[in-house]
Amino acid sequence: MMYKKRFKVLLMLTMVAGLWACTKKWDDHTAITDEAINNNVYEAIAKNSNLKTFTSYLVKTGFDKVISTSKVYTVWAPTDAALTSLDASIINDDVKLKAFVANHIALLSYPNVTTAKRIQLLNSKYVAFGANKFDSANIVTANQYAANGLYHTIDKFIAPVDNCWEFIQKTTLANLNKTAFLNLNYIAFDSTKATQIGVNPNTGAPVWDSTNGKVTRNRFLDLAENIADESKEYTVFLLNDAAFTTEHDKLKPWFATTTTDSTNNLAAYHLVKDLAIPGLYTASQLPDTLVSKFGVKVPINKSAIVASIRTSNGIVHIMSGMNFTLANKFPPIIIQGERPNGFAADRSTFIFYRVRTNPTTGATFNDIIMQNYGFANYWVNYRVNNMPSMRYNAFWVAVNDVQSTPLWQQRLSIDSSNNATTFPYVTVAFNNYNEISLGQFRINNYRNLNLFVVGPATSSTTGGANSISLDYIKLVPAF
């Protein structure tokens, strides 16, 4: 009996000790959790003895109040040791210091993960974070949670840098190339920035104050690549003055106009429009050739790279040479038959837009065909804008898969449907899906061009003698 009583007592003492240990562990866990919950991100950073300098910058710039709100934030806080080398010009300039601090804070929660991704910071810049790195800084202590987010400590500060477009506007390494970009600036109206002062009584349209709402835009950013966009990454090539002059002079003969200035500006745009490529390619990652948005092959000679500058949205390579070939700069121009700009008269009931399959290649294509429309010398108009001043070899594909007899004739005419001397009539063979050479013509000045596909000179309404067919017209520059 005595043995059983002792056993029961020991068992009860063991259970009590176990419960006490569990309770203590839970209390410790709760204490840690409560501490994190009770501190916002700013308070958590302020309690870290290694972050006193960064804490003072948060207070000085007002970001202490920002990251104390109910929104969720992530902060990458440089240690005191990391900030000893921060330039006094940043510390003593309120605007620069605010931009600097904002370059270490992001909205939302970003714990450290194994795969890096680009994070938008409060100054609208993007920085790569992940795999224990914040840009080029190492993560010293990760995932320090607080009530409204978390912070990481890093071993170096990351100052904000210019994006590709900001760099171009400031650089002195490629002045002629820079000027060519900036000459593409223009003034536009932005209603979101304007003040409405009334309503047009006739149209109901708003009337804006003409003194505001005007913004500076740039045609390169509009039409080529928007290298001011912080959310994407780009590789930009800038030619130093000697290289720019060489390539610019190579292009000027093909942009003949009535004034020297317009010729120079057109040639400059045609040069710079291919100097930006989506994606970030360091010097070691560059292939021999890249392709621009306009389908132009951009030749890369790595030995011509004078300098490479990382930006907040990519990289800029300063080049001492970039030997564009004329054939790459001026690729063939394709005009699709199913996209006309006008007709000699309304014959819409006789027009068919088709989807066909090339029996030789198996590829599908779209074309236009008209038959029995009863109009002599009927024409379909195609307008091509911004044609360089040069000779062109003309080709077309005109598919007749509807009749082996009679075979109709049609011709290509330049500038006017009555310009019968441009090209002669061509018989449209049955089931011929190949390109047909039409001949060569020349444009003496850079301008817009009107092309006309002209049908037979008869006005038949039966038998298919009055027909027009077109898959595409191809104009190949002949230098």
Protein backbone atom coordinates (compact mmCIF):
# COMPACT_ATOMS: atom_id res chain seq x y z
CA MET A 1 0.00 0.00 0.00
CA MET A 2 2.77 2.38 0.92
CA TYR A 3 4.49 1.73 -2.42
CA LYS A 4 1.28 2.54 -4.33
CA LYS A 5 0.80 5.82 -2.46
CA ARG A 6 4.37 6.88 -3.19
CA PHE A 7 3.90 6.06 -6.86
CA LYS A 8 0.73 8.15 -7.05
CA VAL A 9 2.46 11.11 -5.41
CA LEU A 10 5.41 10.89 -7.83
CA LEU A 11 3.03 10.62 -10.77
CA MET A 12 1.13 13.72 -9.67
CA LEU A 13 4.37 15.68 -9.15
CA THR A 14 5.57 14.69 -12.63
CA MET A 15 2.28 15.79 -14.20
CA VAL A 16 2.39 19.11 -12.36
CA ALA A 17 6.00 19.70 -13.49
CA GLY A 18 5.09 18.87 -17.07
CA LEU A 19 2.15 21.21 -17.01
CA TRP A 20 4.31 23.94 -15.50
CA ALA A 21 6.95 23.47 -18.23
CA CYS A 22 4.34 23.56 -20.98
CA THR A 23 2.77 26.64 -19.46
CA LYS A 24 6.16 28.37 -19.27
CA LYS A 25 6.93 27.54 -22.92
CA TRP A 26 3.54 28.83 -23.99
CA ASP A 27 4.02 31.98 -21.89
CA ASP A 28 7.41 32.52 -23.55
CA HIS A 29 5.86 32.01 -26.98
CA THR A 30 3.02 34.35 -26.13
CA ALA A 31 5.44 36.94 -24.80
CA ILE A 32 7.37 36.94 -28.11
CA THR A 33 4.18 37.12 -30.10
CA ASP A 34 2.76 39.87 -27.93
CA GLU A 35 5.94 41.91 -28.28
CA ALA A 36 5.71 41.76 -32.08
CA ILE A 37 2.01 42.55 -32.03
CA ASN A 38 2.46 45.45 -29.65
CA ASN A 39 5.13 47.18 -31.79
CA ASN A 40 4.60 48.70 -35.20
CA VAL A 41 7.44 48.56 -37.72
CA TYR A 42 8.89 51.90 -36.66
CA GLU A 43 8.83 50.97 -32.97
CA ALA A 44 10.47 47.62 -33.71
CA ILE A 45 13.27 49.32 -35.67
CA ALA A 46 13.71 52.01 -33.00
CA LYS A 47 14.29 49.32 -30.36
CA ASN A 48 17.11 47.75 -32.37
CA SER A 49 20.41 49.08 -31.00
CA ASN A 50 22.15 48.52 -34.37
CA LEU A 51 19.73 50.77 -36.25
CA LYS A 52 20.00 54.08 -34.40
CA THR A 53 21.21 56.08 -37.39
CA PHE A 54 18.51 54.79 -39.72
CA THR A 55 15.94 55.42 -36.98
CA SER A 56 17.03 59.06 -36.83
CA TYR A 57 16.61 59.36 -40.60
CA LEU A 58 13.09 57.93 -40.34
CA VAL A 59 12.23 60.63 -37.80
CA LYS A 60 13.91 63.43 -39.76
CA THR A 61 12.03 62.59 -42.98
CA GLY A 62 8.67 61.84 -41.34
CA PHE A 63 8.69 58.20 -42.39
CA ASP A 64 8.49 57.22 -38.72
CA LYS A 65 4.85 58.31 -38.84
CA VAL A 66 4.27 56.67 -42.24
CA ILE A 67 5.37 53.20 -41.15
CA SER A 68 3.47 53.54 -37.85
CA THR A 69 0.09 53.57 -39.59
CA SER A 70 -2.34 50.70 -40.08
CA LYS A 71 -1.00 49.90 -43.56
CA VAL A 72 1.46 47.05 -44.00
CA TYR A 73 5.10 47.90 -44.73
CA THR A 74 8.44 46.21 -45.29
CA VAL A 75 11.63 48.08 -44.39
CA TRP A 76 15.20 47.21 -45.33
CA ALA A 77 17.16 48.99 -42.61
CA PRO A 78 20.90 49.57 -43.08
CA THR A 79 22.92 49.01 -39.92
CA ASP A 80 24.74 51.86 -38.21
CA ALA A 81 28.02 50.52 -39.59
CA ALA A 82 26.60 50.50 -43.12
CA LEU A 83 25.56 54.16 -42.91
CA THR A 84 28.92 55.57 -41.82
CA SER A 85 29.86 56.18 -45.47
CA LEU A 86 26.63 57.91 -46.51
CA ASP A 87 27.45 61.16 -48.29
CA ALA A 88 26.81 64.32 -46.28
CA SER A 89 25.15 65.87 -49.35
CA ILE A 90 22.31 63.37 -48.87
CA ILE A 91 22.14 63.66 -45.09
CA ASN A 92 21.97 67.47 -45.16
CA ASP A 93 19.46 67.75 -48.03
CA ASP A 94 15.88 67.08 -46.90
CA VAL A 95 14.67 66.15 -50.41
CA LYS A 96 17.56 63.79 -51.11
CA LEU A 97 17.33 62.21 -47.66
CA LYS A 98 13.62 61.58 -48.07
CA ALA A 99 14.22 59.89 -51.43
CA PHE A 100 17.03 57.86 -49.86
CA VAL A 101 14.91 56.61 -46.97
CA ALA A 102 11.96 55.86 -49.28
CA ASN A 103 14.35 53.68 -51.30
CA HIS A 104 14.40 51.29 -48.34
CA ILE A 105 10.65 50.99 -47.72
CA ALA A 106 7.91 49.15 -49.58
CA LEU A 107 4.18 48.91 -49.13
CA LEU A 108 2.98 45.35 -48.28
CA SER A 109 4.78 42.47 -46.60
CA TYR A 110 7.85 40.95 -48.27
CA PRO A 111 9.51 38.19 -46.25
CA ASN A 112 12.89 36.93 -47.45
CA VAL A 113 12.42 34.15 -50.04
CA THR A 114 14.77 31.98 -52.07
CA THR A 115 13.91 33.54 -55.45
CA ALA A 116 14.61 37.23 -56.01
CA LYS A 117 11.98 39.50 -57.56
CA ARG A 118 11.71 43.21 -58.21
CA ILE A 119 9.90 45.15 -55.46
CA GLN A 120 8.37 48.61 -55.87
CA LEU A 121 9.59 51.01 -53.18
CA LEU A 122 7.87 54.11 -51.82
CA ASN A 123 9.82 56.39 -54.18
CA SER A 124 8.43 54.40 -57.16
CA LYS A 125 11.82 52.81 -57.84
CA TYR A 126 12.18 49.04 -58.09
CA VAL A 127 14.85 46.93 -56.39
CA ALA A 128 15.56 43.19 -56.60
CA PHE A 129 14.95 41.39 -53.30
CA GLY A 130 15.27 37.75 -52.31
CA ALA A 131 17.84 35.00 -51.76
CA ASN A 132 19.26 36.99 -48.82
CA LYS A 133 19.97 40.05 -50.99
CA PHE A 134 18.45 43.50 -51.29
CA ASP A 135 19.94 44.81 -54.52
CA SER A 136 23.69 44.47 -53.78
CA ALA A 137 23.24 44.49 -49.98
CA ASN A 138 23.30 41.31 -47.92
CA ILE A 139 20.46 40.54 -45.53
CA VAL A 140 21.99 40.47 -42.04
CA THR A 141 18.81 39.66 -40.14
CA ALA A 142 15.66 38.68 -41.99
CA ASN A 143 11.94 38.65 -41.25
CA GLN A 144 11.70 40.76 -38.09
CA TYR A 145 7.93 40.91 -37.76
CA ALA A 146 5.88 43.70 -36.26
CA ALA A 147 2.21 44.56 -35.89
CA ASN A 148 1.97 46.18 -39.34
CA GLY A 149 4.67 44.45 -41.34
CA LEU A 150 8.29 43.48 -40.95
CA TYR A 151 11.84 44.68 -41.41
CA HIS A 152 15.17 43.24 -42.50
CA THR A 153 18.59 44.58 -41.57
CA ILE A 154 21.11 44.98 -44.40
CA ASP A 155 24.89 45.46 -44.46
CA LYS A 156 24.99 48.42 -46.88
CA PHE A 157 22.70 51.23 -47.91
CA ILE A 158 21.10 51.31 -51.37
CA ALA A 159 20.85 54.85 -52.69
CA PRO A 160 18.25 55.57 -55.39
CA VAL A 161 19.62 55.78 -58.94
CA ASP A 162 18.25 57.24 -62.15
CA ASN A 163 16.19 55.16 -64.54
CA CYS A 164 17.34 54.83 -68.15
CA TRP A 165 15.48 57.93 -69.30
CA GLU A 166 16.65 60.06 -66.39
CA PHE A 167 20.23 58.97 -67.07
CA ILE A 168 19.99 59.96 -70.75
CA GLN A 169 18.76 63.44 -69.84
CA LYS A 170 21.76 64.02 -67.56
CA THR A 171 24.63 62.23 -69.27
CA THR A 172 27.58 63.96 -70.93
CA LEU A 173 28.98 60.70 -72.34
CA ALA A 174 26.90 60.78 -75.54
CA ASN A 175 25.83 64.35 -76.22
CA LEU A 176 24.70 63.98 -79.85
CA ASN A 177 22.71 60.85 -79.06
CA LYS A 178 21.21 62.59 -76.02
CA THR A 179 20.20 65.59 -78.15
CA ALA A 180 18.54 63.29 -80.69
CA PHE A 181 16.39 61.81 -77.93
CA LEU A 182 15.47 65.17 -76.42
CA ASN A 183 14.60 66.65 -79.83
CA LEU A 184 11.68 64.22 -79.80
CA ASN A 185 10.04 66.07 -76.89
CA TYR A 186 6.72 67.78 -77.51
CA ILE A 187 4.02 69.53 -75.49
CA ALA A 188 0.77 67.61 -74.98
CA PHE A 189 -2.44 68.27 -73.08
CA ASP A 190 -3.31 66.12 -70.06
CA SER A 191 -6.87 66.66 -68.84
CA THR A 192 -6.08 64.97 -65.52
CA LYS A 193 -3.73 67.84 -64.71
CA ALA A 194 -5.94 70.63 -66.10
CA THR A 195 -8.62 72.79 -64.49
CA GLN A 196 -12.05 72.77 -66.09
CA ILE A 197 -13.43 76.30 -66.36
CA GLY A 198 -16.66 75.66 -68.22
CA VAL A 199 -18.65 73.63 -70.74
CA ASN A 200 -19.01 74.27 -74.47
CA PRO A 201 -22.74 75.12 -74.90
CA ASN A 202 -22.82 73.66 -78.43
CA THR A 203 -21.04 70.36 -77.90
CA GLY A 204 -21.20 69.81 -74.16
CA ALA A 205 -17.45 69.24 -74.14
CA PRO A 206 -15.48 70.56 -71.17
CA VAL A 207 -13.56 73.83 -71.54
CA TRP A 208 -10.11 73.74 -69.94
CA ASP A 209 -7.88 76.44 -68.57
CA SER A 210 -5.18 76.77 -71.24
CA THR A 211 -2.52 77.74 -68.68
CA ASN A 212 -2.33 74.31 -67.08
CA GLY A 213 -2.67 70.72 -68.19
CA LYS A 214 0.31 71.00 -70.52
CA VAL A 215 2.89 68.24 -70.12
CA THR A 216 6.10 67.34 -71.91
CA ARG A 217 6.00 64.03 -73.73
CA ASN A 218 8.53 62.29 -75.95
CA ARG A 219 7.90 60.47 -79.23
CA PHE A 220 10.56 57.86 -78.52
CA LEU A 221 8.83 56.93 -75.25
CA ASP A 222 5.46 56.95 -77.02
CA LEU A 223 6.36 55.01 -80.16
CA ALA A 224 9.44 52.94 -79.38
CA GLU A 225 10.15 51.89 -75.78
CA ASN A 226 9.02 53.69 -72.64
CA ILE A 227 12.37 53.54 -70.89
CA ALA A 228 11.02 55.86 -68.18
CA ASP A 229 8.79 53.03 -66.93
CA GLU A 230 10.21 51.90 -63.59
CA SER A 231 8.21 48.67 -63.52
CA LYS A 232 10.06 47.16 -66.50
CA GLU A 233 13.71 46.62 -67.35
CA TYR A 234 15.51 47.74 -70.50
CA THR A 235 18.88 47.61 -72.18
CA VAL A 236 19.71 50.93 -73.83
CA PHE A 237 22.61 51.68 -76.15
CA LEU A 238 24.00 55.21 -76.39
CA LEU A 239 26.48 56.04 -79.15
CA ASN A 240 29.31 58.40 -78.33
CA ASP A 241 29.59 61.43 -80.60
CA ALA A 242 31.89 59.84 -83.17
CA ALA A 243 29.78 56.68 -83.46
CA PHE A 244 26.55 58.67 -83.62
CA THR A 245 27.90 60.87 -86.42
CA THR A 246 28.97 57.82 -88.44
CA GLU A 247 25.59 56.09 -88.19
CA HIS A 248 23.61 59.29 -88.64
CA ASP A 249 25.47 60.23 -91.83
CA LYS A 250 24.85 56.73 -93.14
CA LEU A 251 21.09 57.29 -92.87
CA LYS A 252 20.69 60.88 -94.09
CA PRO A 253 20.54 60.10 -97.85
CA TRP A 254 17.38 58.06 -97.28
CA PHE A 255 15.49 60.91 -95.61
CA ALA A 256 15.65 63.62 -98.27
CA THR A 257 13.29 66.52 -97.48
CA THR A 258 13.04 70.19 -98.33
CA THR A 259 15.11 71.30 -95.29
CA THR A 260 18.36 70.17 -93.71
CA ASP A 261 16.87 70.24 -90.21
CA SER A 262 13.98 67.92 -91.04
CA THR A 263 16.34 65.50 -92.82
CA ASN A 264 18.68 65.46 -89.82
CA ASN A 265 15.82 64.95 -87.36
CA LEU A 266 14.24 62.15 -89.37
CA ALA A 267 17.56 60.34 -89.74
CA ALA A 268 18.24 60.81 -86.02
CA TYR A 269 14.90 59.29 -85.03
CA HIS A 270 15.42 56.38 -87.42
CA LEU A 271 18.75 55.75 -85.70
CA VAL A 272 17.67 56.04 -82.05
CA LYS A 273 14.34 54.20 -82.37
CA ASP A 274 16.20 50.86 -82.31
CA LEU A 275 18.56 51.64 -79.42
CA ALA A 276 16.38 50.26 -76.60
CA ILE A 277 15.55 46.59 -76.04
CA PRO A 278 13.21 45.13 -73.38
CA GLY A 279 15.09 43.13 -70.74
CA LEU A 280 18.36 43.66 -68.91
CA TYR A 281 21.53 42.43 -70.64
CA THR A 282 24.83 43.02 -68.88
CA ALA A 283 27.91 43.24 -71.09
CA SER A 284 28.70 39.56 -70.51
CA GLN A 285 25.10 38.54 -71.30
CA LEU A 286 24.81 40.43 -74.58
CA PRO A 287 24.40 38.25 -77.69
CA ASP A 288 25.86 39.22 -81.06
CA THR A 289 22.48 40.52 -82.22
CA LEU A 290 19.31 41.81 -80.61
CA VAL A 291 16.04 42.72 -82.32
CA SER A 292 14.22 46.00 -81.68
CA LYS A 293 10.48 46.53 -81.43
CA PHE A 294 10.48 47.43 -85.12
CA GLY A 295 12.05 44.16 -86.20
CA VAL A 296 15.45 45.75 -86.84
CA LYS A 297 18.53 43.65 -86.06
CA VAL A 298 20.81 45.53 -83.66
CA PRO A 299 24.46 44.43 -84.07
CA ILE A 300 26.41 44.15 -80.79
CA ASN A 301 30.18 44.47 -80.72
CA LYS A 302 31.15 43.96 -77.09
CA SER A 303 34.61 45.42 -77.68
CA ALA A 304 32.89 48.74 -78.53
CA ILE A 305 31.35 49.05 -75.05
CA VAL A 306 33.01 52.09 -73.43
CA ALA A 307 31.01 51.97 -70.19
CA SER A 308 28.01 50.21 -68.67
CA ILE A 309 25.78 52.02 -66.18
CA ARG A 310 23.16 50.21 -64.10
CA THR A 311 19.91 52.11 -63.67
CA SER A 312 16.83 51.55 -61.58
CA ASN A 313 15.10 49.93 -64.55
CA GLY A 314 17.90 48.33 -66.50
CA ILE A 315 21.29 49.18 -67.93
CA VAL A 316 22.81 51.69 -70.37
CA HIS A 317 25.82 50.75 -72.52
CA ILE A 318 27.91 53.58 -73.98
CA MET A 319 29.15 52.44 -77.40
CA SER A 320 32.08 53.62 -79.53
CA GLY A 321 30.52 51.94 -82.56
CA MET A 322 27.41 50.11 -83.76
CA ASN A 323 27.60 49.19 -87.41
CA PHE A 324 23.98 48.95 -88.54
CA THR A 325 23.58 47.50 -92.04
CA LEU A 326 21.18 49.32 -94.35
CA ALA A 327 19.33 46.07 -95.05
CA ASN A 328 18.64 45.68 -91.33
CA LYS A 329 17.71 49.33 -90.82
CA PHE A 330 15.31 49.26 -93.77
CA PRO A 331 13.51 45.90 -93.76
CA PRO A 332 10.93 45.09 -96.47
CA ILE A 333 7.56 46.81 -96.14
CA ILE A 334 4.53 44.52 -96.25
CA ILE A 335 1.08 45.93 -97.13
CA GLN A 336 -1.73 43.49 -96.43
CA GLY A 337 -4.40 43.20 -99.11
CA GLU A 338 -7.24 42.76 -96.62
CA ARG A 339 -6.52 46.18 -95.09
CA PRO A 340 -7.40 48.72 -97.81
CA ASN A 341 -7.71 52.44 -97.22
CA GLY A 342 -10.29 53.16 -99.90
CA PHE A 343 -12.04 52.14 -103.13
CA ALA A 344 -12.87 53.78 -106.44
CA ALA A 345 -16.60 53.40 -105.70
CA ASP A 346 -18.90 51.51 -103.39
CA ARG A 347 -18.88 47.90 -104.52
CA SER A 348 -19.15 46.36 -101.07
CA THR A 349 -21.47 43.57 -102.23
CA PHE A 350 -18.69 42.32 -104.51
CA ILE A 351 -15.90 42.42 -101.91
CA PHE A 352 -14.88 39.26 -100.08
CA TYR A 353 -12.32 39.12 -97.27
CA ARG A 354 -11.10 35.55 -97.20
CA VAL A 355 -9.06 33.16 -95.06
CA ARG A 356 -7.11 30.78 -97.25
CA THR A 357 -4.47 28.06 -96.87
CA ASN A 358 -1.36 27.93 -99.03
CA PRO A 359 -1.34 24.33 -100.35
CA THR A 360 2.46 24.34 -100.65
CA THR A 361 3.40 25.67 -97.22
CA GLY A 362 0.23 24.83 -95.27
CA ALA A 363 0.20 28.37 -93.87
CA THR A 364 -3.07 30.28 -93.59
CA PHE A 365 -3.39 33.80 -94.92
CA ASN A 366 -5.98 36.54 -95.38
CA ASP A 367 -6.70 38.27 -98.66
CA ILE A 368 -9.24 40.34 -100.56
CA ILE A 369 -10.99 39.37 -103.80
CA MET A 370 -13.58 41.16 -105.97
CA GLN A 371 -15.40 39.82 -109.03
CA ASN A 372 -17.95 41.07 -111.58
CA TYR A 373 -18.13 44.53 -110.01
CA GLY A 374 -18.90 46.28 -113.33
CA PHE A 375 -16.51 49.24 -113.13
CA ALA A 376 -13.72 49.93 -115.62
CA ASN A 377 -10.28 50.62 -114.12
CA TYR A 378 -11.64 50.03 -110.63
CA TRP A 379 -9.00 50.49 -107.94
CA VAL A 380 -8.30 49.61 -104.32
CA ASN A 381 -6.15 52.11 -102.43
CA TYR A 382 -3.42 51.35 -99.86
CA ARG A 383 -1.66 54.14 -97.98
CA VAL A 384 1.86 53.70 -96.59
CA ASN A 385 3.17 56.41 -94.28
CA ASN A 386 6.72 57.63 -93.73
CA MET A 387 8.43 56.10 -96.73
CA PRO A 388 12.21 56.73 -96.97
CA SER A 389 13.55 58.29 -100.15
CA MET A 390 15.02 55.38 -102.10
CA ARG A 391 14.41 52.81 -104.84
CA TYR A 392 12.09 49.89 -104.14
CA ASN A 393 11.58 46.53 -105.80
CA ALA A 394 7.86 45.74 -105.78
CA PHE A 395 6.31 42.27 -105.41
CA TRP A 396 2.86 40.96 -104.73
CA VAL A 397 0.97 37.76 -104.05
CA ALA A 398 -2.41 37.78 -105.80
CA VAL A 399 -4.21 34.46 -105.50
CA ASN A 400 -6.67 33.34 -108.15
CA ASP A 401 -8.10 30.06 -106.89
CA VAL A 402 -11.57 30.60 -108.37
CA GLN A 403 -11.22 30.28 -112.16
CA SER A 404 -8.75 28.97 -114.72
CA THR A 405 -10.49 30.91 -117.49
CA PRO A 406 -10.79 33.70 -118.16
CA LEU A 407 -7.62 34.92 -116.43
CA TRP A 408 -7.92 38.55 -115.44
CA GLN A 409 -5.24 41.26 -115.36
CA GLN A 410 -4.46 43.88 -112.74
CA ARG A 411 -1.65 46.35 -112.16
CA LEU A 412 0.06 48.28 -109.37
CA SER A 413 0.06 52.06 -109.66
CA ILE A 414 2.03 54.58 -107.58
CA ASP A 415 0.63 57.94 -106.36
CA SER A 416 -2.31 57.92 -108.78
CA SER A 417 -4.61 55.24 -110.13
CA ASN A 418 -4.10 56.79 -113.59
CA ASN A 419 -0.32 56.39 -113.44
CA ALA A 420 -0.26 53.61 -116.02
CA THR A 421 3.46 54.07 -116.68
CA THR A 422 4.46 52.84 -113.23
CA PHE A 423 3.88 49.15 -113.82
CA PRO A 424 2.17 47.25 -116.68
CA TYR A 425 -0.79 44.92 -116.29
CA VAL A 426 0.03 41.47 -114.92
CA THR A 427 -2.04 38.36 -115.60
CA VAL A 428 -3.18 36.69 -112.38
CA ALA A 429 -2.41 33.03 -112.98
CA PHE A 430 -4.62 30.24 -111.67
CA ASN A 431 -3.56 28.70 -108.34
CA ASN A 432 -0.26 30.57 -108.15
CA TYR A 433 0.61 31.33 -104.51
CA ASN A 434 4.09 32.67 -105.19
CA GLU A 435 5.43 36.23 -105.08
CA ILE A 436 5.40 37.96 -108.46
CA SER A 437 8.03 40.58 -109.25
CA LEU A 438 6.40 43.76 -110.57
CA GLY A 439 9.47 45.93 -111.15
CA GLN A 440 11.18 48.88 -109.48
CA PHE A 441 10.25 52.47 -108.68
CA ARG A 442 11.88 55.37 -106.87
CA ILE A 443 10.74 57.88 -104.24
CA ASN A 444 12.81 61.06 -104.39
CA ASN A 445 11.65 62.53 -101.06
CA TYR A 446 10.68 61.10 -97.70
CA ARG A 447 6.88 61.12 -97.67
CA ASN A 448 3.62 59.20 -97.45
CA LEU A 449 2.80 56.98 -100.40
CA ASN A 450 -0.44 55.95 -102.07
CA LEU A 451 -0.56 52.59 -103.85
CA PHE A 452 -3.39 51.51 -106.12
CA VAL A 453 -4.24 48.02 -107.28
CA VAL A 454 -6.10 48.68 -110.54
CA GLY A 455 -8.42 46.17 -112.17
CA PRO A 456 -9.15 45.55 -115.86
CA ALA A 457 -10.16 48.40 -118.16
CA THR A 458 -13.48 46.69 -118.89
CA SER A 459 -16.74 47.01 -116.98
CA SER A 460 -18.04 43.46 -117.25
CA THR A 461 -20.46 42.11 -114.66
CA THR A 462 -20.27 38.43 -115.66
CA GLY A 463 -17.74 35.67 -116.25
CA GLY A 464 -15.12 36.88 -113.78
CA ALA A 465 -13.28 39.06 -116.29
CA ASN A 466 -13.55 42.02 -113.93
CA SER A 467 -11.66 40.78 -110.86
CA ILE A 468 -9.08 42.00 -108.35
CA SER A 469 -7.23 39.84 -105.83
CA LEU A 470 -4.48 40.66 -103.33
CA ASP A 471 -2.81 38.82 -100.49
CA TYR A 472 -0.03 41.39 -99.95
CA ILE A 473 2.32 43.86 -101.60
CA LYS A 474 6.00 43.76 -100.62
CA LEU A 475 8.31 46.73 -101.14
CA VAL A 476 11.99 45.80 -100.78
CA PRO A 477 14.50 48.67 -100.49
CA ALA A 478 17.13 48.64 -103.26
CA PHE A 479 20.15 50.67 -102.09
